[in-house]
PDB file of N, CA and C in Angstrom:
ATOM      1  N   MET A   1       7.319   4.291 -15.600  1.00  0.00           N
ATOM      2  CA  MET A   1       6.727   3.637 -14.440  1.00  0.00           C
ATOM      3  C   MET A   1       6.680   4.644 -13.302  1.00  0.00           C
ATOM      4  N   LYS A   2       5.532   4.729 -12.651  1.00  0.00           N
ATOM      5  CA  LYS A   2       5.352   5.601 -11.494  1.00  0.00           C
ATOM      6  C   LYS A   2       5.420   4.769 -10.220  1.00  0.00           C
ATOM      7  N   TYR A   3       5.913   5.400  -9.172  1.00  0.00           N
ATOM      8  CA  TYR A   3       5.887   4.802  -7.845  1.00  0.00           C
ATOM      9  C   TYR A   3       4.865   5.590  -7.036  1.00  0.00           C
ATOM     10  N   LEU A   4       3.941   4.884  -6.421  1.00  0.00           N
ATOM     11  CA  LEU A   4       2.891   5.544  -5.641  1.00  0.00           C
ATOM     12  C   LEU A   4       2.820   4.931  -4.256  1.00  0.00           C
ATOM     13  N   ALA A   5       2.862   5.793  -3.248  1.00  0.00           N
ATOM     14  CA  ALA A   5       2.860   5.354  -1.856  1.00  0.00           C
ATOM     15  C   ALA A   5       1.443   5.379  -1.314  1.00  0.00           C
ATOM     16  N   ALA A   6       0.954   4.206  -0.947  1.00  0.00           N
ATOM     17  CA  ALA A   6      -0.353   4.084  -0.307  1.00  0.00           C
ATOM     18  C   ALA A   6      -0.113   4.012   1.196  1.00  0.00           C
ATOM     19  N   VAL A   7      -0.473   5.085   1.879  1.00  0.00           N
ATOM     20  CA  VAL A   7      -0.379   5.119   3.332  1.00  0.00           C
ATOM     21  C   VAL A   7      -1.728   4.616   3.853  1.00  0.00           C
ATOM     22  N   LEU A   8      -1.663   3.659   4.780  1.00  0.00           N
ATOM     23  CA  LEU A   8      -2.876   3.011   5.288  1.00  0.00           C
ATOM     24  C   LEU A   8      -3.008   3.241   6.792  1.00  0.00           C
ATOM     25  N   PRO A   9      -3.450   4.447   7.195  1.00  0.00           N
ATOM     26  CA  PRO A   9      -3.617   4.722   8.627  1.00  0.00           C
ATOM     27  C   PRO A   9      -4.697   3.836   9.252  1.00  0.00           C
ATOM     28  N   MET A  10      -4.449   3.458  10.503  1.00  0.00           N
ATOM     29  CA  MET A  10      -5.385   2.612  11.245  1.00  0.00           C
ATOM     30  C   MET A  10      -6.717   3.337  11.406  1.00  0.00           C
ATOM     31  N   LYS A  11      -7.777   2.634  11.101  1.00  0.00           N
ATOM     32  CA  LYS A  11      -9.132   3.164  11.270  1.00  0.00           C
ATOM     33  C   LYS A  11      -9.872   2.356  12.339  1.00  0.00           C
ATOM     34  N   ASP A  12      -9.698   1.023  12.304  1.00  0.00           N
ATOM     35  CA  ASP A  12     -10.401   0.129  13.225  1.00  0.00           C
ATOM     36  C   ASP A  12      -9.484  -1.062  13.529  1.00  0.00           C
ATOM     37  N   GLN A  13      -8.929  -1.098  14.748  1.00  0.00           N
ATOM     38  CA  GLN A  13      -7.973  -2.154  15.103  1.00  0.00           C
ATOM     39  C   GLN A  13      -8.586  -3.545  15.065  1.00  0.00           C
ATOM     40  N   GLU A  14      -9.829  -3.649  15.480  1.00  0.00           N
ATOM     41  CA  GLU A  14     -10.494  -4.954  15.479  1.00  0.00           C
ATOM     42  C   GLU A  14     -10.639  -5.485  14.049  1.00  0.00           C
ATOM     43  N   LYS A  15     -11.109  -4.634  13.152  1.00  0.00           N
ATOM     44  CA  LYS A  15     -11.244  -5.043  11.752  1.00  0.00           C
ATOM     45  C   LYS A  15      -9.877  -5.311  11.140  1.00  0.00           C
ATOM     46  N   SER A  16      -8.876  -4.531  11.529  1.00  0.00           N
ATOM     47  CA  SER A  16      -7.531  -4.735  11.008  1.00  0.00           C
ATOM     48  C   SER A  16      -7.028  -6.128  11.357  1.00  0.00           C
ATOM     49  N   ALA A  17      -7.232  -6.547  12.599  1.00  0.00           N
ATOM     50  CA  ALA A  17      -6.821  -7.891  13.010  1.00  0.00           C
ATOM     51  C   ALA A  17      -7.627  -8.956  12.273  1.00  0.00           C
ATOM     52  N   GLN A  18      -8.918  -8.719  12.116  1.00  0.00           N
ATOM     53  CA  GLN A  18      -9.799  -9.685  11.456  1.00  0.00           C
ATOM     54  C   GLN A  18      -9.423  -9.889   9.988  1.00  0.00           C
ATOM     55  N   TYR A  19      -9.107  -8.809   9.290  1.00  0.00           N
ATOM     56  CA  TYR A  19      -8.868  -8.892   7.844  1.00  0.00           C
ATOM     57  C   TYR A  19      -7.387  -8.961   7.467  1.00  0.00           C
ATOM     58  N   ARG A  20      -6.509  -9.062   8.446  1.00  0.00           N
ATOM     59  CA  ARG A  20      -5.073  -9.119   8.163  1.00  0.00           C
ATOM     60  C   ARG A  20      -4.699 -10.274   7.221  1.00  0.00           C
ATOM     61  N   PRO A  21      -5.195 -11.496   7.447  1.00  0.00           N
ATOM     62  CA  PRO A  21      -4.825 -12.583   6.527  1.00  0.00           C
ATOM     63  C   PRO A  21      -5.217 -12.289   5.065  1.00  0.00           C
ATOM     64  N   GLN A  22      -6.406 -11.739   4.847  1.00  0.00           N
ATOM     65  CA  GLN A  22      -6.849 -11.418   3.482  1.00  0.00           C
ATOM     66  C   GLN A  22      -6.003 -10.283   2.889  1.00  0.00           C
ATOM     67  N   HIS A  23      -5.664  -9.301   3.727  1.00  0.00           N
ATOM     68  CA  HIS A  23      -4.818  -8.189   3.287  1.00  0.00           C
ATOM     69  C   HIS A  23      -3.451  -8.712   2.835  1.00  0.00           C
ATOM     70  N   LEU A  24      -2.836  -9.557   3.650  1.00  0.00           N
ATOM     71  CA  LEU A  24      -1.517 -10.087   3.308  1.00  0.00           C
ATOM     72  C   LEU A  24      -1.568 -10.962   2.056  1.00  0.00           C
ATOM     73  N   GLU A  25      -2.628 -11.747   1.912  1.00  0.00           N
ATOM     74  CA  GLU A  25      -2.802 -12.568   0.712  1.00  0.00           C
ATOM     75  C   GLU A  25      -2.944 -11.678  -0.529  1.00  0.00           C
ATOM     76  N   TYR A  26      -3.722 -10.610  -0.402  1.00  0.00           N
ATOM     77  CA  TYR A  26      -3.921  -9.678  -1.513  1.00  0.00           C
ATOM     78  C   TYR A  26      -2.587  -9.035  -1.912  1.00  0.00           C
ATOM     79  N   LEU A  27      -1.809  -8.607  -0.922  1.00  0.00           N
ATOM     80  CA  LEU A  27      -0.516  -7.998  -1.239  1.00  0.00           C
ATOM     81  C   LEU A  27       0.430  -9.008  -1.880  1.00  0.00           C
ATOM     82  N   GLU A  28       0.386 -10.237  -1.437  1.00  0.00           N
ATOM     83  CA  GLU A  28       1.236 -11.279  -2.041  1.00  0.00           C
ATOM     84  C   GLU A  28       0.877 -11.466  -3.519  1.00  0.00           C
ATOM     85  N   GLU A  29      -0.420 -11.459  -3.828  1.00  0.00           N
ATOM     86  CA  GLU A  29      -0.860 -11.561  -5.228  1.00  0.00           C
ATOM     87  C   GLU A  29      -0.324 -10.390  -6.046  1.00  0.00           C
ATOM     88  N   GLN A  30      -0.393  -9.186  -5.478  1.00  0.00           N
ATOM     89  CA  GLN A  30       0.079  -8.000  -6.188  1.00  0.00           C
ATOM     90  C   GLN A  30       1.595  -8.029  -6.371  1.00  0.00           C
ATOM     91  N   MET A  31       2.307  -8.572  -5.389  1.00  0.00           N
ATOM     92  CA  MET A  31       3.767  -8.704  -5.520  1.00  0.00           C
ATOM     93  C   MET A  31       4.120  -9.661  -6.648  1.00  0.00           C
ATOM     94  N   LYS A  32       3.395 -10.777  -6.729  1.00  0.00           N
ATOM     95  CA  LYS A  32       3.659 -11.756  -7.786  1.00  0.00           C
ATOM     96  C   LYS A  32       3.406 -11.159  -9.169  1.00  0.00           C
ATOM     97  N   LYS A  33       2.513 -10.191  -9.244  1.00  0.00           N
ATOM     98  CA  LYS A  33       2.218  -9.507 -10.513  1.00  0.00           C
ATOM     99  C   LYS A  33       3.178  -8.354 -10.783  1.00  0.00           C
ATOM    100  N   GLY A  34       4.139  -8.142  -9.885  1.00  0.00           N
ATOM    101  CA  GLY A  34       5.138  -7.092 -10.073  1.00  0.00           C
ATOM    102  C   GLY A  34       4.619  -5.688  -9.826  1.00  0.00           C
ATOM    103  N   ARG A  35       3.596  -5.559  -8.997  1.00  0.00           N
ATOM    104  CA  ARG A  35       2.977  -4.247  -8.760  1.00  0.00           C
ATOM    105  C   ARG A  35       3.435  -3.566  -7.475  1.00  0.00           C
ATOM    106  N   ILE A  36       4.226  -4.248  -6.651  1.00  0.00           N
ATOM    107  CA  ILE A  36       4.643  -3.680  -5.372  1.00  0.00           C
ATOM    108  C   ILE A  36       6.161  -3.588  -5.306  1.00  0.00           C
ATOM    109  N   PHE A  37       6.629  -2.393  -4.944  1.00  0.00           N
ATOM    110  CA  PHE A  37       8.060  -2.143  -4.767  1.00  0.00           C
ATOM    111  C   PHE A  37       8.490  -2.465  -3.335  1.00  0.00           C
ATOM    112  N   ALA A  38       7.665  -2.062  -2.364  1.00  0.00           N
ATOM    113  CA  ALA A  38       7.965  -2.291  -0.946  1.00  0.00           C
ATOM    114  C   ALA A  38       6.668  -2.225  -0.148  1.00  0.00           C
ATOM    115  N   LYS A  39       6.696  -2.843   1.037  1.00  0.00           N
ATOM    116  CA  LYS A  39       5.513  -2.813   1.890  1.00  0.00           C
ATOM    117  C   LYS A  39       5.938  -3.070   3.322  1.00  0.00           C
ATOM    118  N   GLY A  40       5.111  -2.615   4.260  1.00  0.00           N
ATOM    119  CA  GLY A  40       5.403  -2.890   5.661  1.00  0.00           C
ATOM    120  C   GLY A  40       4.496  -2.106   6.582  1.00  0.00           C
ATOM    121  N   ARG A  41       4.507  -2.507   7.849  1.00  0.00           N
ATOM    122  CA  ARG A  41       3.678  -1.844   8.852  1.00  0.00           C
ATOM    123  C   ARG A  41       4.528  -0.833   9.603  1.00  0.00           C
ATOM    124  N   PHE A  42       3.857   0.150  10.196  1.00  0.00           N
ATOM    125  CA  PHE A  42       4.545   1.117  11.042  1.00  0.00           C
ATOM    126  C   PHE A  42       4.751   0.479  12.407  1.00  0.00           C
ATOM    127  N   SER A  43       5.940   0.588  12.950  1.00  0.00           N
ATOM    128  CA  SER A  43       6.264  -0.090  14.211  1.00  0.00           C
ATOM    129  C   SER A  43       5.468   0.433  15.399  1.00  0.00           C
ATOM    130  N   ASP A  44       4.875   1.624  15.269  1.00  0.00           N
ATOM    131  CA  ASP A  44       4.080   2.155  16.378  1.00  0.00           C
ATOM    132  C   ASP A  44       2.613   1.718  16.326  1.00  0.00           C
ATOM    133  N   GLY A  45       2.262   0.876  15.347  1.00  0.00           N
ATOM    134  CA  GLY A  45       0.919   0.324  15.262  1.00  0.00           C
ATOM    135  C   GLY A  45      -0.130   1.248  14.667  1.00  0.00           C
ATOM    136  N   THR A  46       0.298   2.347  14.052  1.00  0.00           N
ATOM    137  CA  THR A  46      -0.664   3.319  13.517  1.00  0.00           C
ATOM    138  C   THR A  46      -1.089   3.046  12.080  1.00  0.00           C
ATOM    139  N   GLY A  47      -0.548   1.993  11.458  1.00  0.00           N
ATOM    140  CA  GLY A  47      -0.920   1.678  10.081  1.00  0.00           C
ATOM    141  C   GLY A  47       0.237   1.061   9.327  1.00  0.00           C
ATOM    142  N   GLY A  48       0.248   1.311   8.005  1.00  0.00           N
ATOM    143  CA  GLY A  48       1.288   0.739   7.177  1.00  0.00           C
ATOM    144  C   GLY A  48       1.446   1.500   5.880  1.00  0.00           C
ATOM    145  N   LEU A  49       2.363   1.014   5.047  1.00  0.00           N
ATOM    146  CA  LEU A  49       2.708   1.661   3.789  1.00  0.00           C
ATOM    147  C   LEU A  49       2.937   0.602   2.718  1.00  0.00           C
ATOM    148  N   VAL A  50       2.387   0.844   1.538  1.00  0.00           N
ATOM    149  CA  VAL A  50       2.650  -0.007   0.381  1.00  0.00           C
ATOM    150  C   VAL A  50       3.091   0.930  -0.740  1.00  0.00           C
ATOM    151  N   ILE A  51       4.230   0.641  -1.342  1.00  0.00           N
ATOM    152  CA  ILE A  51       4.678   1.420  -2.493  1.00  0.00           C
ATOM    153  C   ILE A  51       4.413   0.580  -3.732  1.00  0.00           C
ATOM    154  N   TYR A  52       3.458   1.058  -4.520  1.00  0.00           N
ATOM    155  CA  TYR A  52       3.049   0.379  -5.750  1.00  0.00           C
ATOM    156  C   TYR A  52       3.830   0.922  -6.942  1.00  0.00           C
ATOM    157  N   MET A  53       3.940   0.096  -7.970  1.00  0.00           N
ATOM    158  CA  MET A  53       4.544   0.499  -9.245  1.00  0.00           C
ATOM    159  C   MET A  53       3.506   0.284 -10.332  1.00  0.00           C
ATOM    160  N   ALA A  54       3.260   1.323 -11.119  1.00  0.00           N
ATOM    161  CA  ALA A  54       2.272   1.214 -12.194  1.00  0.00           C
ATOM    162  C   ALA A  54       2.443   2.396 -13.144  1.00  0.00           C
ATOM    163  N   PRO A  55       1.860   2.291 -14.339  1.00  0.00           N
ATOM    164  CA  PRO A  55       1.958   3.389 -15.302  1.00  0.00           C
ATOM    165  C   PRO A  55       1.161   4.631 -14.902  1.00  0.00           C
ATOM    166  N   SER A  56       0.136   4.479 -14.047  1.00  0.00           N
ATOM    167  CA  SER A  56      -0.700   5.638 -13.748  1.00  0.00           C
ATOM    168  C   SER A  56      -1.282   5.572 -12.336  1.00  0.00           C
ATOM    169  N   LEU A  57      -1.637   6.742 -11.830  1.00  0.00           N
ATOM    170  CA  LEU A  57      -2.306   6.848 -10.542  1.00  0.00           C
ATOM    171  C   LEU A  57      -3.633   6.099 -10.561  1.00  0.00           C
ATOM    172  N   GLU A  58      -4.358   6.212 -11.657  1.00  0.00           N
ATOM    173  CA  GLU A  58      -5.665   5.562 -11.767  1.00  0.00           C
ATOM    174  C   GLU A  58      -5.558   4.055 -11.592  1.00  0.00           C
ATOM    175  N   GLU A  59      -4.552   3.457 -12.207  1.00  0.00           N
ATOM    176  CA  GLU A  59      -4.361   2.008 -12.103  1.00  0.00           C
ATOM    177  C   GLU A  59      -4.056   1.610 -10.657  1.00  0.00           C
ATOM    178  N   VAL A  60      -3.188   2.377 -10.002  1.00  0.00           N
ATOM    179  CA  VAL A  60      -2.842   2.058  -8.622  1.00  0.00           C
ATOM    180  C   VAL A  60      -4.043   2.251  -7.699  1.00  0.00           C
ATOM    181  N   MET A  61      -4.834   3.276  -7.930  1.00  0.00           N
ATOM    182  CA  MET A  61      -6.010   3.498  -7.089  1.00  0.00           C
ATOM    183  C   MET A  61      -6.964   2.311  -7.169  1.00  0.00           C
ATOM    184  N   LYS A  62      -7.141   1.757  -8.354  1.00  0.00           N
ATOM    185  CA  LYS A  62      -8.011   0.584  -8.493  1.00  0.00           C
ATOM    186  C   LYS A  62      -7.482  -0.589  -7.674  1.00  0.00           C
ATOM    187  N   ILE A  63      -6.174  -0.770  -7.703  1.00  0.00           N
ATOM    188  CA  ILE A  63      -5.558  -1.865  -6.955  1.00  0.00           C
ATOM    189  C   ILE A  63      -5.677  -1.611  -5.454  1.00  0.00           C
ATOM    190  N   ALA A  64      -5.284  -0.424  -5.015  1.00  0.00           N
ATOM    191  CA  ALA A  64      -5.265  -0.103  -3.587  1.00  0.00           C
ATOM    192  C   ALA A  64      -6.664  -0.087  -2.984  1.00  0.00           C
ATOM    193  N   GLU A  65      -7.641   0.377  -3.736  1.00  0.00           N
ATOM    194  CA  GLU A  65      -9.015   0.424  -3.224  1.00  0.00           C
ATOM    195  C   GLU A  65      -9.621  -0.960  -3.060  1.00  0.00           C
ATOM    196  N   ASN A  66      -9.022  -1.980  -3.694  1.00  0.00           N
ATOM    197  CA  ASN A  66      -9.511  -3.350  -3.560  1.00  0.00           C
ATOM    198  C   ASN A  66      -8.776  -4.152  -2.490  1.00  0.00           C
ATOM    199  N   ASP A  67      -7.864  -3.504  -1.787  1.00  0.00           N
ATOM    200  CA  ASP A  67      -7.205  -4.132  -0.640  1.00  0.00           C
ATOM    201  C   ASP A  67      -8.295  -4.402   0.409  1.00  0.00           C
ATOM    202  N   PRO A  68      -8.368  -5.612   0.943  1.00  0.00           N
ATOM    203  CA  PRO A  68      -9.398  -5.912   1.946  1.00  0.00           C
ATOM    204  C   PRO A  68      -9.414  -4.949   3.130  1.00  0.00           C
ATOM    205  N   TYR A  69      -8.266  -4.450   3.538  1.00  0.00           N
ATOM    206  CA  TYR A  69      -8.242  -3.464   4.620  1.00  0.00           C
ATOM    207  C   TYR A  69      -9.078  -2.236   4.270  1.00  0.00           C
ATOM    208  N   VAL A  70      -8.970  -1.784   3.034  1.00  0.00           N
ATOM    209  CA  VAL A  70      -9.697  -0.592   2.598  1.00  0.00           C
ATOM    210  C   VAL A  70     -11.169  -0.936   2.360  1.00  0.00           C
ATOM    211  N   LEU A  71     -11.411  -2.046   1.653  1.00  0.00           N
ATOM    212  CA  LEU A  71     -12.791  -2.462   1.363  1.00  0.00           C
ATOM    213  C   LEU A  71     -13.627  -2.681   2.617  1.00  0.00           C
ATOM    214  N   LYS A  72     -13.019  -3.232   3.651  1.00  0.00           N
ATOM    215  CA  LYS A  72     -13.746  -3.593   4.867  1.00  0.00           C
ATOM    216  C   LYS A  72     -13.729  -2.502   5.932  1.00  0.00           C
ATOM    217  N   GLY A  73     -13.088  -1.354   5.640  1.00  0.00           N
ATOM    218  CA  GLY A  73     -13.094  -0.237   6.578  1.00  0.00           C
ATOM    219  C   GLY A  73     -12.129  -0.361   7.736  1.00  0.00           C
ATOM    220  N   ALA A  74     -11.105  -1.205   7.596  1.00  0.00           N
ATOM    221  CA  ALA A  74     -10.110  -1.344   8.653  1.00  0.00           C
ATOM    222  C   ALA A  74      -9.080  -0.222   8.611  1.00  0.00           C
ATOM    223  N   ARG A  75      -8.808   0.276   7.400  1.00  0.00           N
ATOM    224  CA  ARG A  75      -7.790   1.305   7.208  1.00  0.00           C
ATOM    225  C   ARG A  75      -8.294   2.381   6.261  1.00  0.00           C
ATOM    226  N   GLU A  76      -7.771   3.582   6.452  1.00  0.00           N
ATOM    227  CA  GLU A  76      -7.972   4.672   5.502  1.00  0.00           C
ATOM    228  C   GLU A  76      -6.983   4.460   4.361  1.00  0.00           C
ATOM    229  N   LEU A  77      -7.151   5.196   3.277  1.00  0.00           N
ATOM    230  CA  LEU A  77      -6.216   5.130   2.162  1.00  0.00           C
ATOM    231  C   LEU A  77      -5.824   6.542   1.768  1.00  0.00           C
ATOM    232  N   GLU A  78      -4.524   6.816   1.851  1.00  0.00           N
ATOM    233  CA  GLU A  78      -3.956   8.077   1.376  1.00  0.00           C
ATOM    234  C   GLU A  78      -2.945   7.724   0.291  1.00  0.00           C
ATOM    235  N   MET A  79      -3.081   8.319  -0.881  1.00  0.00           N
ATOM    236  CA  MET A  79      -2.176   7.991  -1.985  1.00  0.00           C
ATOM    237  C   MET A  79      -1.315   9.201  -2.322  1.00  0.00           C
ATOM    238  N   HIS A  80      -0.016   8.942  -2.503  1.00  0.00           N
ATOM    239  CA  HIS A  80       0.930   9.996  -2.847  1.00  0.00           C
ATOM    240  C   HIS A  80       1.888   9.462  -3.904  1.00  0.00           C
ATOM    241  N   GLU A  81       2.141  10.270  -4.943  1.00  0.00           N
ATOM    242  CA  GLU A  81       3.180   9.880  -5.901  1.00  0.00           C
ATOM    243  C   GLU A  81       4.521  10.026  -5.197  1.00  0.00           C
ATOM    244  N   TRP A  82       5.388   9.043  -5.383  1.00  0.00           N
ATOM    245  CA  TRP A  82       6.661   8.995  -4.676  1.00  0.00           C
ATOM    246  C   TRP A  82       7.791   9.065  -5.684  1.00  0.00           C
ATOM    247  N   GLU A  83       8.711   9.985  -5.461  1.00  0.00           N
ATOM    248  CA  GLU A  83       9.900  10.103  -6.309  1.00  0.00           C
ATOM    249  C   GLU A  83      11.076   9.578  -5.511  1.00  0.00           C
ATOM    250  N   MET A  84      11.565   8.438  -5.938  1.00  0.00           N
ATOM    251  CA  MET A  84      12.645   7.782  -5.232  1.00  0.00           C
ATOM    252  C   MET A  84      13.966   8.502  -5.514  1.00  0.00           C
ATOM    253  N   ASP A  85      14.657   8.876  -4.444  1.00  0.00           N
ATOM    254  CA  ASP A  85      16.012   9.417  -4.589  1.00  0.00           C
ATOM    255  C   ASP A  85      16.977   8.257  -4.695  1.00  0.00           C
ATOM    256  N   SER A  86      17.927   8.404  -5.550  1.00  0.00           N
ATOM    257  CA  SER A  86      18.954   7.399  -5.691  1.00  0.00           C
ATOM    258  C   SER A  86      20.273   8.015  -5.256  1.00  0.00           C
ATOM    259  N   PRO A  87      21.110   7.257  -4.584  1.00  0.00           N
ATOM    260  CA  PRO A  87      22.411   7.816  -4.199  1.00  0.00           C
ATOM    261  C   PRO A  87      23.254   8.180  -5.424  1.00  0.00           C
ATOM    262  N   PHE A  88      22.867   7.685  -6.597  1.00  0.00           N
ATOM    263  CA  PHE A  88      23.604   7.959  -7.819  1.00  0.00           C
ATOM    264  C   PHE A  88      23.088   9.191  -8.554  1.00  0.00           C
ATOM    265  N   ASN A  89      21.943   9.760  -8.094  1.00  0.00           N
ATOM    266  CA  ASN A  89      21.335  10.889  -8.785  1.00  0.00           C
ATOM    267  C   ASN A  89      21.632  12.228  -8.135  1.00  0.00           C
ATOM    268  N   HIS A  90      22.388  12.292  -7.077  1.00  0.00           N
ATOM    269  CA  HIS A  90      22.624  13.563  -6.386  1.00  0.00           C
ATOM    270  C   HIS A  90      23.559  14.447  -7.191  1.00  0.00           C
ATOM    271  N   GLU A  91      23.190  15.712  -7.212  1.00  0.00           N
ATOM    272  CA  GLU A  91      24.011  16.679  -7.970  1.00  0.00           C
ATOM    273  C   GLU A  91      25.004  17.364  -7.082  1.00  0.00           C
TER     274      GLU A  91
END
């Protein structure tokens, strides 16, 4: 299982406010399907972060690109593979 961080920088605040309910509903659906590890907004209002779990980057890109924020042009999408450090893995 891969962890992939979708950084969603603010592109259009008006559209972000307009599509927020659809975005949150979409993320809730993805959480119920076990595809999201963590999610949240940046406290400075510049965007948000969703950490997806999936077997491949391609699968996550399909999911993230269908987020209403991305589809409607409210947010940019930056994807990064994320390697989680565990306090039990330190050498």
